[in-house]
Structures are given as structure tokens and as C-alpha cells.
N, C-alpha and C. Protein backbone atom coordinates (compact mmCIF):
# COMPACT_ATOMS: atom_id res chain seq x y z
N MET A 1 17.99 -9.92 2.34
CA MET A 1 18.15 -8.50 2.70
C MET A 1 16.82 -7.63 2.05
N ASP A 2 16.16 -7.30 3.39
CA ASP A 2 15.64 -5.95 2.87
C ASP A 2 15.96 -4.80 2.88
N LEU A 3 16.34 -3.76 2.39
CA LEU A 3 16.36 -2.61 2.81
C LEU A 3 15.50 -1.64 2.72
N GLU A 4 14.26 -1.38 3.14
CA GLU A 4 13.55 -0.77 2.94
C GLU A 4 12.51 -1.09 2.77
N GLY A 5 11.88 -2.53 2.16
CA GLY A 5 10.90 -2.43 0.81
C GLY A 5 9.72 -1.79 0.91
N THR A 6 9.04 -2.14 0.05
CA THR A 6 6.97 -1.44 -0.04
C THR A 6 6.69 -2.65 0.93
N LEU A 7 6.26 -2.55 1.06
CA LEU A 7 5.26 -3.54 1.74
C LEU A 7 3.61 -3.11 1.60
N TRP A 8 2.80 -4.41 1.13
CA TRP A 8 1.49 -3.95 -0.13
C TRP A 8 0.46 -5.32 0.44
N THR A 9 0.21 -4.78 1.97
CA THR A 9 -1.15 -5.52 2.26
C THR A 9 -2.50 -5.35 1.37
N VAL A 10 -3.23 -6.23 1.15
CA VAL A 10 -4.53 -5.49 0.80
C VAL A 10 -5.63 -4.92 1.49
N ASP A 11 -5.25 -4.99 2.83
CA ASP A 11 -6.11 -4.36 4.04
C ASP A 11 -5.25 -2.77 4.02
N GLY A 12 -4.49 -2.45 3.85
CA GLY A 12 -3.39 -1.42 4.33
C GLY A 12 -3.01 -1.74 5.67
N PRO A 13 -1.50 -1.54 5.98
CA PRO A 13 -1.15 -0.24 5.49
C PRO A 13 -0.34 -1.01 3.90
N ASN A 14 -0.55 0.45 3.20
CA ASN A 14 -0.47 -0.18 1.78
C ASN A 14 0.47 1.45 1.39
N LEU A 15 1.35 1.58 0.33
CA LEU A 15 1.93 2.88 -0.58
C LEU A 15 0.57 3.40 -0.86
N PHE A 16 -0.77 2.43 -0.67
CA PHE A 16 -2.00 3.92 -1.43
C PHE A 16 -2.78 3.84 -0.61
N THR A 17 -1.96 3.70 0.18
CA THR A 17 -3.20 4.08 2.04
C THR A 17 -1.81 5.27 2.82
N TYR A 18 -0.77 5.50 2.84
CA TYR A 18 -0.35 7.18 3.42
C TYR A 18 -0.08 7.62 2.48
N LEU A 19 0.54 7.24 1.48
CA LEU A 19 0.67 8.56 0.02
C LEU A 19 -0.25 9.70 -0.09
N PRO A 20 -1.28 9.19 -0.60
CA PRO A 20 -2.42 9.97 -0.61
C PRO A 20 -2.52 10.91 0.39
N GLN A 21 -2.54 10.94 0.95
CA GLN A 21 -2.52 11.46 2.46
C GLN A 21 -1.25 12.58 2.88
N ALA A 22 -0.26 11.44 2.58
CA ALA A 22 0.83 12.37 2.96
C ALA A 22 0.40 13.98 1.71
N ILE A 23 0.42 13.23 0.50
CA ILE A 23 0.10 14.47 -0.59
C ILE A 23 -0.60 15.41 -0.01
N THR A 24 -1.47 14.80 0.54
CA THR A 24 -3.00 16.32 0.87
C THR A 24 -2.40 16.86 1.72
N GLY A 25 -1.94 16.04 2.90
CA GLY A 25 -0.84 17.39 4.19
C GLY A 25 -0.17 18.23 3.42
N TYR A 26 0.77 17.85 2.68
CA TYR A 26 1.88 18.82 2.02
C TYR A 26 1.21 19.93 1.58
N GLU A 27 0.04 19.59 0.12
CA GLU A 27 -0.13 20.60 -0.53
C GLU A 27 -1.14 21.74 0.49
N GLN A 28 -1.94 21.11 1.66
CA GLN A 28 -2.84 21.54 2.22
C GLN A 28 -1.46 22.56 3.32
N HIS A 29 -0.73 22.64 3.77
CA HIS A 29 0.17 22.66 4.18
C HIS A 29 0.14 22.36 5.91
N ASP A 30 -0.29 21.21 5.79
CA ASP A 30 -1.14 20.22 7.23
C ASP A 30 0.08 19.61 7.65
N ALA A 31 0.89 19.97 8.67
CA ALA A 31 1.89 18.76 8.95
C ALA A 31 1.55 17.44 9.93
N ALA A 32 0.54 17.98 10.46
CA ALA A 32 -0.43 16.95 11.00
C ALA A 32 -0.71 15.50 10.68
N LYS A 33 -1.40 15.84 8.98
CA LYS A 33 -2.04 14.91 8.03
C LYS A 33 -0.84 14.38 7.38
N ILE A 34 0.02 14.86 7.50
CA ILE A 34 1.69 13.72 7.14
C ILE A 34 1.52 13.04 8.18
N VAL A 35 2.14 13.30 9.44
CA VAL A 35 2.52 13.19 10.58
C VAL A 35 1.29 11.31 10.92
N ALA A 36 0.14 12.04 10.69
CA ALA A 36 -1.07 10.49 10.20
C ALA A 36 -0.80 10.13 9.61
N ALA A 37 -0.42 10.47 8.35
CA ALA A 37 -0.18 8.77 7.30
C ALA A 37 1.03 8.46 8.11
N GLY A 38 2.25 8.13 8.85
CA GLY A 38 2.75 7.68 9.60
C GLY A 38 4.18 7.78 9.17
N PHE A 39 4.76 9.43 8.98
CA PHE A 39 6.07 9.90 9.09
C PHE A 39 6.23 10.12 10.29
N ASN A 40 8.04 10.40 10.53
CA ASN A 40 8.03 10.61 11.71
C ASN A 40 8.37 12.34 11.54
N PRO A 41 7.87 12.56 12.53
CA PRO A 41 7.35 14.13 12.88
C PRO A 41 8.99 15.23 12.60
N LYS A 42 9.99 14.17 12.69
CA LYS A 42 11.40 14.06 13.04
C LYS A 42 11.80 14.56 11.06
N SER A 43 11.39 14.47 10.57
CA SER A 43 11.74 13.91 9.69
C SER A 43 11.50 14.38 8.54
N GLY A 44 10.55 16.17 8.67
CA GLY A 44 10.01 17.12 7.88
C GLY A 44 10.95 17.73 7.83
N PHE A 45 12.09 17.73 7.54
CA PHE A 45 12.80 18.65 7.62
C PHE A 45 13.18 18.21 5.59
N LEU A 46 12.62 16.92 5.86
CA LEU A 46 13.17 15.87 4.21
C LEU A 46 11.81 16.12 2.97
N TRP A 47 10.48 16.33 3.98
CA TRP A 47 9.31 16.06 3.03
C TRP A 47 9.16 17.69 1.78
N ASP A 48 9.57 18.50 1.93
CA ASP A 48 9.91 19.58 0.41
C ASP A 48 10.62 18.75 -0.48
N TYR A 49 11.69 17.76 -0.51
CA TYR A 49 12.15 17.05 -1.26
C TYR A 49 11.61 15.98 -1.98
N HIS A 50 10.79 14.56 -0.49
CA HIS A 50 10.15 14.18 -0.60
C HIS A 50 9.06 14.35 -1.77
N TYR A 51 8.27 15.09 -1.35
CA TYR A 51 7.19 15.83 -2.32
C TYR A 51 7.67 16.04 -3.22
N THR A 52 8.14 17.10 -3.53
CA THR A 52 8.67 17.19 -5.45
C THR A 52 9.28 16.46 -6.28
N VAL A 53 9.58 15.08 -5.20
CA VAL A 53 10.49 13.95 -6.45
C VAL A 53 10.20 12.87 -6.29
N TYR A 54 9.78 12.06 -5.22
CA TYR A 54 9.42 11.06 -5.15
C TYR A 54 7.46 10.84 -4.57
N TRP A 55 6.85 11.70 -4.01
CA TRP A 55 5.75 11.26 -3.48
C TRP A 55 4.76 11.40 -4.04
N LYS A 56 4.54 12.09 -5.17
CA LYS A 56 3.69 12.02 -6.24
C LYS A 56 3.99 11.28 -7.72
N LEU A 57 5.16 11.19 -7.90
CA LEU A 57 5.65 10.08 -9.25
C LEU A 57 5.40 8.45 -8.39
N THR A 58 6.02 7.96 -7.25
CA THR A 58 5.85 7.25 -6.67
C THR A 58 4.36 6.90 -7.15
N GLN A 59 3.04 7.41 -6.69
CA GLN A 59 1.96 7.44 -6.51
C GLN A 59 1.47 7.02 -7.91
N ARG A 60 1.87 7.83 -8.92
CA ARG A 60 1.56 7.85 -10.13
C ARG A 60 1.89 6.65 -10.81
N ILE A 61 3.70 5.70 -10.68
CA ILE A 61 3.90 5.01 -11.01
C ILE A 61 3.45 3.40 -10.55
N TYR A 62 3.35 3.66 -9.45
CA TYR A 62 2.36 2.56 -8.75
C TYR A 62 1.32 2.14 -9.47
N ALA A 63 0.38 2.95 -9.12
CA ALA A 63 -1.40 3.59 -9.90
C ALA A 63 -1.44 2.92 -11.30
N ALA A 64 -0.82 3.25 -12.11
CA ALA A 64 -0.64 3.24 -13.38
C ALA A 64 -0.62 1.68 -13.46
N GLU A 65 0.20 0.92 -12.75
CA GLU A 65 0.53 -0.75 -12.35
C GLU A 65 -0.56 -1.48 -12.03
N LEU A 66 -1.05 -0.98 -10.82
CA LEU A 66 -1.84 -1.44 -9.98
C LEU A 66 -2.74 -1.16 -10.47
N ASP A 67 -3.54 -0.02 -11.00
CA ASP A 67 -4.82 0.18 -10.42
C ASP A 67 -4.88 1.41 -11.74
N PRO A 68 -4.30 0.59 -12.97
CA PRO A 68 -4.68 2.06 -14.42
C PRO A 68 -5.72 2.36 -14.49
N THR A 69 -7.02 2.16 -14.40
CA THR A 69 -8.39 3.47 -14.62
C THR A 69 -7.93 4.73 -13.88
N TYR A 70 -7.43 4.52 -12.71
CA TYR A 70 -6.90 5.72 -11.55
C TYR A 70 -6.27 6.79 -12.52
N THR A 71 -7.11 8.03 -13.03
CA THR A 71 -6.58 8.80 -13.97
C THR A 71 -6.58 10.41 -13.02
N SER A 72 -7.08 10.60 -11.70
CA SER A 72 -7.77 11.80 -11.10
C SER A 72 -5.76 12.06 -10.71
N ALA A 73 -6.04 13.17 -9.84
CA ALA A 73 -4.81 13.59 -9.09
C ALA A 73 -4.45 12.14 -7.85
N GLU A 74 -3.41 12.02 -7.95
CA GLU A 74 -2.77 11.50 -7.07
C GLU A 74 -3.08 12.09 -5.31
N ALA A 75 -3.38 13.29 -4.69
CA ALA A 75 -3.76 13.20 -3.41
C ALA A 75 -5.74 12.74 -3.20
N ASP A 76 -6.13 12.98 -4.54
CA ASP A 76 -7.75 11.98 -4.58
C ASP A 76 -7.74 10.74 -3.99
N TYR A 77 -6.65 10.28 -4.70
CA TYR A 77 -6.82 9.06 -4.67
C TYR A 77 -7.18 8.17 -3.30
N ASP A 78 -7.96 7.26 -3.71
CA ASP A 78 -8.90 6.51 -2.08
C ASP A 78 -8.86 5.31 -2.63
N TYR A 79 -8.22 4.63 -1.82
CA TYR A 79 -7.65 2.89 -2.00
C TYR A 79 -9.00 2.16 -1.65
N ALA A 80 -9.64 3.07 -0.34
CA ALA A 80 -10.98 2.27 -0.35
C ALA A 80 -11.82 1.67 -1.14
N GLN A 81 -11.77 2.83 -2.28
CA GLN A 81 -13.18 3.08 -3.41
C GLN A 81 -11.98 2.27 -4.51
N ARG A 82 -11.02 1.51 -4.54
CA ARG A 82 -10.88 1.12 -6.16
C ARG A 82 -10.59 -0.33 -5.69
N PRO A 83 -11.77 -0.80 -5.95
CA PRO A 83 -11.08 -2.67 -5.78
C PRO A 83 -10.45 -2.98 -7.09
N GLU A 84 -10.03 -2.74 -8.07
CA GLU A 84 -9.62 -3.37 -8.73
C GLU A 84 -7.72 -2.97 -8.09
N ALA A 85 -7.66 -1.97 -7.35
CA ALA A 85 -6.38 -2.10 -6.85
C ALA A 85 -6.60 -3.26 -5.83
N HIS A 86 -7.82 -3.39 -5.18
CA HIS A 86 -7.17 -4.73 -3.69
C HIS A 86 -7.02 -5.79 -4.34
N LYS A 87 -7.91 -6.03 -5.74
CA LYS A 87 -7.69 -7.09 -6.31
C LYS A 87 -5.87 -7.60 -6.70
N ALA A 88 -5.27 -6.24 -7.22
CA ALA A 88 -4.22 -6.08 -7.71
C ALA A 88 -3.28 -6.36 -6.59
N ILE A 89 -3.57 -5.59 -5.55
CA ILE A 89 -2.57 -6.20 -4.64
C ILE A 89 -2.66 -7.21 -3.87
N ALA A 90 -4.01 -8.06 -4.40
CA ALA A 90 -3.77 -9.63 -3.01
C ALA A 90 -3.13 -10.55 -3.82
N ARG A 91 -2.38 -10.39 -5.11
CA ARG A 91 -1.67 -10.84 -6.03
C ARG A 91 -0.20 -10.88 -5.21
N ILE A 92 0.22 -9.70 -5.00
CA ILE A 92 1.27 -9.41 -5.03
C ILE A 92 1.76 -9.37 -3.12
N ALA A 93 0.77 -9.50 -2.45
CA ALA A 93 0.44 -9.40 -0.65
C ALA A 93 1.20 -9.93 -0.27
N LEU A 94 2.32 -9.22 1.02
CA LEU A 94 3.25 -9.91 1.88
C LEU A 94 2.61 -10.33 2.96
N THR A 95 2.14 -11.45 3.12
CA THR A 95 2.19 -12.24 4.65
C THR A 95 2.89 -12.57 5.56
N GLY A 96 4.43 -12.46 5.38
CA GLY A 96 5.55 -12.02 6.58
C GLY A 96 5.23 -14.47 6.87
N ASN A 97 4.93 -14.87 5.72
CA ASN A 97 4.97 -16.69 5.74
C ASN A 97 6.36 -16.38 5.13
N ILE A 98 7.41 -15.94 5.94
CA ILE A 98 8.69 -16.26 5.36
C ILE A 98 9.16 -17.44 5.47
N ARG A 99 10.17 -18.27 4.75
CA ARG A 99 10.49 -19.96 4.86
C ARG A 99 12.54 -19.82 4.93
N ARG A 100 12.87 -18.67 4.35
CA ARG A 100 13.99 -18.08 4.81
C ARG A 100 14.46 -17.20 5.46
N PRO A 101 16.01 -17.28 6.09
CA PRO A 101 15.77 -15.73 7.38
C PRO A 101 16.03 -14.98 6.60
N LEU A 102 15.56 -13.78 6.26
CA LEU A 102 15.66 -12.46 6.09
C LEU A 102 15.46 -11.20 6.83
N THR A 103 16.76 -10.60 6.72
CA THR A 103 17.18 -9.09 7.46
C THR A 103 16.69 -7.83 6.92
N THR A 104 15.61 -7.06 7.51
CA THR A 104 15.10 -5.88 7.60
C THR A 104 15.85 -4.47 8.31
N ILE A 105 15.89 -4.08 7.27
CA ILE A 105 16.93 -2.30 7.74
C ILE A 105 15.99 -1.18 7.09
N HIS A 106 15.75 -0.40 7.74
CA HIS A 106 14.40 0.17 8.51
C HIS A 106 15.17 1.88 8.66
N GLY A 107 14.76 2.94 8.19
CA GLY A 107 15.69 3.92 8.95
C GLY A 107 13.94 4.92 9.44
N THR A 108 14.04 5.40 10.51
CA THR A 108 12.86 5.71 11.44
C THR A 108 12.86 7.33 10.33
N TYR A 109 13.65 7.92 9.70
CA TYR A 109 13.44 9.39 9.48
C TYR A 109 12.82 8.65 7.52
N ASP A 110 12.24 7.69 7.45
CA ASP A 110 11.84 7.08 6.29
C ASP A 110 10.86 7.84 5.29
N SER A 111 11.49 8.93 4.65
CA SER A 111 10.29 9.86 3.97
C SER A 111 9.90 9.28 2.54
N LEU A 112 9.66 8.46 2.51
CA LEU A 112 8.85 7.73 1.06
C LEU A 112 8.21 6.98 1.22
N LEU A 113 8.65 5.16 2.63
CA LEU A 113 7.75 4.94 3.05
C LEU A 113 7.83 4.85 4.64
N PRO A 114 7.28 5.12 5.02
CA PRO A 114 7.26 5.35 6.53
C PRO A 114 7.30 4.35 7.53
N ILE A 115 8.08 4.04 8.29
CA ILE A 115 8.76 2.70 8.89
C ILE A 115 7.42 2.01 9.71
N THR A 116 6.77 3.38 10.35
CA THR A 116 5.47 2.99 10.80
C THR A 116 4.14 1.81 10.60
N GLN A 117 4.30 2.28 9.20
CA GLN A 117 3.05 1.77 7.84
C GLN A 117 3.99 0.77 7.11
N ASP A 118 5.20 0.39 7.08
CA ASP A 118 6.10 -0.78 6.28
C ASP A 118 6.75 -1.97 7.38
N SER A 119 7.75 -1.31 7.71
CA SER A 119 8.57 -2.25 8.42
C SER A 119 8.63 -2.91 9.53
N ASP A 120 8.03 -2.06 10.87
CA ASP A 120 7.23 -2.05 11.16
C ASP A 120 6.08 -3.42 11.50
N VAL A 121 5.38 -2.87 10.23
CA VAL A 121 3.60 -3.62 10.38
C VAL A 121 4.37 -5.23 9.35
N TYR A 122 5.79 -5.56 8.50
CA TYR A 122 6.38 -6.70 7.90
C TYR A 122 7.05 -7.26 9.72
N ALA A 123 7.78 -6.56 10.51
CA ALA A 123 8.04 -7.56 11.24
C ALA A 123 7.12 -7.78 12.17
N GLU A 124 6.38 -7.31 12.47
CA GLU A 124 4.61 -7.82 13.54
C GLU A 124 4.95 -9.47 12.55
N LEU A 125 4.36 -9.22 11.63
CA LEU A 125 3.79 -10.09 10.84
C LEU A 125 4.41 -11.81 10.16
N ALA A 126 6.00 -11.09 10.26
CA ALA A 126 6.85 -12.36 10.03
C ALA A 126 8.06 -12.91 11.67
N LYS A 127 7.06 -12.13 12.63
CA LYS A 127 8.23 -12.41 13.65
C LYS A 127 7.69 -14.29 13.73
N HIS A 128 6.29 -14.73 13.80
CA HIS A 128 6.00 -16.01 14.11
C HIS A 128 6.83 -17.07 13.60
N THR A 129 7.65 -16.20 12.45
CA THR A 129 8.53 -17.47 11.67
C THR A 129 9.83 -17.98 12.35
N GLY A 130 9.98 -17.13 13.24
CA GLY A 130 11.43 -16.81 13.14
C GLY A 130 13.12 -16.64 13.04
N LEU A 131 12.29 -16.74 11.42
CA LEU A 131 13.09 -15.91 10.21
C LEU A 131 13.75 -14.51 10.60
N HIS A 132 13.03 -14.19 11.04
CA HIS A 132 13.22 -12.28 10.54
C HIS A 132 14.41 -11.31 11.61
N THR A 133 15.33 -10.51 10.82
CA THR A 133 15.62 -10.20 11.58
C THR A 133 15.41 -8.20 11.21
N TYR A 134 15.40 -7.64 12.39
CA TYR A 134 14.79 -6.13 11.74
C TYR A 134 16.02 -5.53 12.80
N GLN A 135 16.48 -4.47 11.72
CA GLN A 135 16.96 -3.46 12.27
C GLN A 135 16.56 -2.02 11.96
N ARG A 136 16.01 -0.95 13.18
CA ARG A 136 15.68 0.01 12.56
C ARG A 136 16.60 1.09 12.74
N VAL A 137 16.79 2.00 12.30
CA VAL A 137 18.57 2.61 12.43
C VAL A 137 17.57 4.35 12.31
N GLU A 138 18.11 4.84 13.57
CA GLU A 138 17.43 6.07 13.67
C GLU A 138 17.76 7.19 13.34
N ALA A 139 17.05 8.12 12.54
CA ALA A 139 17.11 8.48 11.42
C ALA A 139 17.95 8.80 10.12
N GLY A 140 17.74 7.40 10.19
CA GLY A 140 17.51 6.69 8.27
C GLY A 140 16.35 6.96 7.57
N ASN A 141 16.92 7.80 6.31
CA ASN A 141 15.90 8.51 5.83
C ASN A 141 16.30 7.00 4.51
N HIS A 142 15.20 7.21 3.10
CA HIS A 142 15.29 6.56 2.44
C HIS A 142 16.25 6.62 1.35
N VAL A 143 16.61 7.57 1.15
CA VAL A 143 17.86 7.70 -0.02
C VAL A 143 19.01 8.38 0.53
N ASP A 144 20.01 7.22 1.06
CA ASP A 144 21.56 7.87 1.38
C ASP A 144 22.24 9.14 0.89
N GLY A 145 21.50 9.22 0.21
CA GLY A 145 22.07 10.44 -1.47
C GLY A 145 21.89 12.22 -0.44
N LEU A 146 20.97 12.00 -0.01
CA LEU A 146 20.95 13.22 0.98
C LEU A 146 21.26 13.80 2.24
N VAL A 147 21.87 12.03 2.70
CA VAL A 147 23.44 12.63 3.87
C VAL A 147 23.83 13.61 3.81
N ASP A 148 24.60 13.44 2.54
CA ASP A 148 25.49 15.14 2.23
C ASP A 148 25.09 15.61 2.58
N THR A 149 23.76 16.27 2.29
CA THR A 149 22.77 17.57 2.84
C THR A 149 22.75 17.43 4.13
N TYR A 150 22.57 16.19 4.77
CA TYR A 150 21.98 16.97 6.20
C TYR A 150 22.62 16.21 6.60
N PRO A 151 24.30 16.08 6.98
CA PRO A 151 24.62 15.26 7.87
C PRO A 151 24.59 15.22 9.23
N ASP A 152 24.53 16.23 10.06
CA ASP A 152 24.32 16.45 11.10
C ASP A 152 22.48 16.37 11.76
N GLN A 153 22.13 15.46 10.72
CA GLN A 153 20.52 15.10 11.04
C GLN A 153 20.39 14.03 10.13
N LEU A 154 20.60 13.40 9.54
CA LEU A 154 20.71 11.87 8.68
C LEU A 154 22.04 10.93 8.73
N VAL A 155 21.30 9.71 8.89
CA VAL A 155 22.31 8.29 9.11
C VAL A 155 22.16 7.91 8.31
N PRO A 156 23.59 6.78 7.67
CA PRO A 156 23.43 6.36 5.82
C PRO A 156 22.66 5.63 6.20
N LEU A 157 22.47 4.45 5.35
CA LEU A 157 22.32 3.08 5.28
C LEU A 157 22.71 2.07 4.98
N VAL A 158 23.02 2.62 4.32
CA VAL A 158 24.06 1.18 3.15
C VAL A 158 24.98 1.26 4.23
N PRO A 159 25.97 1.34 5.53
CA PRO A 159 26.91 0.97 5.89
C PRO A 159 26.61 -0.24 6.88
N TYR A 160 25.18 -0.10 7.22
CA TYR A 160 24.19 -1.41 7.76
C TYR A 160 24.09 -2.33 7.29
N LEU A 161 23.53 -2.31 5.83
CA LEU A 161 23.37 -2.65 4.60
C LEU A 161 24.51 -4.02 4.38
N GLN A 162 26.02 -2.92 4.42
CA GLN A 162 26.77 -3.63 4.36
C GLN A 162 27.18 -4.69 5.06
N ARG A 163 27.14 -4.02 6.32
CA ARG A 163 27.39 -4.98 7.59
C ARG A 163 26.55 -6.28 7.50
N ALA A 164 25.07 -6.54 7.58
CA ALA A 164 24.57 -7.25 7.68
C ALA A 164 25.29 -8.35 6.79
N ILE A 165 25.16 -8.22 5.23
CA ILE A 165 25.79 -8.53 3.83
C ILE A 165 26.90 -9.59 4.80
N ARG A 166 27.70 -9.00 4.95
CA ARG A 166 28.87 -9.29 5.87
C ARG A 166 28.69 -10.48 6.42
N THR A 167 27.72 -10.69 7.56
CA THR A 167 27.50 -10.94 8.56
C THR A 167 26.13 -11.48 8.85
N PRO A 168 25.97 -12.16 7.81
CA PRO A 168 24.75 -12.65 8.11
C PRO A 168 24.02 -13.61 8.80
N SER A 169 22.83 -13.75 8.83
CA SER A 169 21.47 -14.46 10.47
C SER A 169 21.92 -15.62 10.44
């Protein structure tokens, strides 16, 4: 099972290619930059929360682990100019070459790992195996805890996960 897991590819997309762009867009009040980073424009109501709680912190945590010499602002991170990050990601990069069945569930309103830059890409990588099942959940977000705050706008992902666990591929 993969519930909106983080995609790491050496040449991108990966968290380092879209989060700095989203952070910059948010800080410049430029929704077009956030959308260009891969985030669904319909998820805009979630961006304040994700900027405040997740985007910068997530960027900082992964940079500390995968590119520890980087010490500048999260919005300034330029993955193309970070060879050490490329080397680190090469060690953990996902290829899609799975050998066992894998089900991925991902929400279209994911405001941490945008589905277009993450699971959509992975589904293409794994398609050739015939072992990957992919379920896109319209209006699902990265954190189900926000469903109570936005009950008319978000769909929880955990019920999809529970169903998939009960009925394996």
C-alpha cells in the first residue's frame, strides 16, 4: 500500500523541484506559481495551512537529510544547482520497477505532494509491470484531519485505504 508516498526521481519531479516554487509563490502572493508547481488550483483554500505547517518544514527536513550543506531559505532552494542532492536522491530514487503488487491512493487536492508531480508520475513509471493499481481520489488532501474543517470540500482518504487493505489486488 502506498498512501500518497513521496516520489523521488533524480531528474525530477521530486519534493525539491516543486516545494520551493510553491513556497515562493505563496510568499509572493502568486497563485499561478503554486499551480505551476503542480498544485491543483481547486485546493487553494488549503494553501495557507500547508504553507504555515508543512511546506517550509518539509523542505527543511528533507534538505537537512539529503543536502545538509544547504543553509539558505527554503524558497531559494534550486535543485538544479545542488549536485549533492542529486547524488543523495540517486540512492533512494524510485524507478517503478516493482516486483509485487502495489496500490497507490492519492487525493487530487493534496497540498503537500501534488498528485501531478507525484503519484501520476509514479503510475506511469510502474505501468509496465502490470502490478500497480492507482486510485485518484477527487478532493482528497494529504491530511484527513482537515476534513472536519472543510467537510463540504474534502474527501477523506483513510476509508479508501481501509477498503484497499481489506480487498488486496
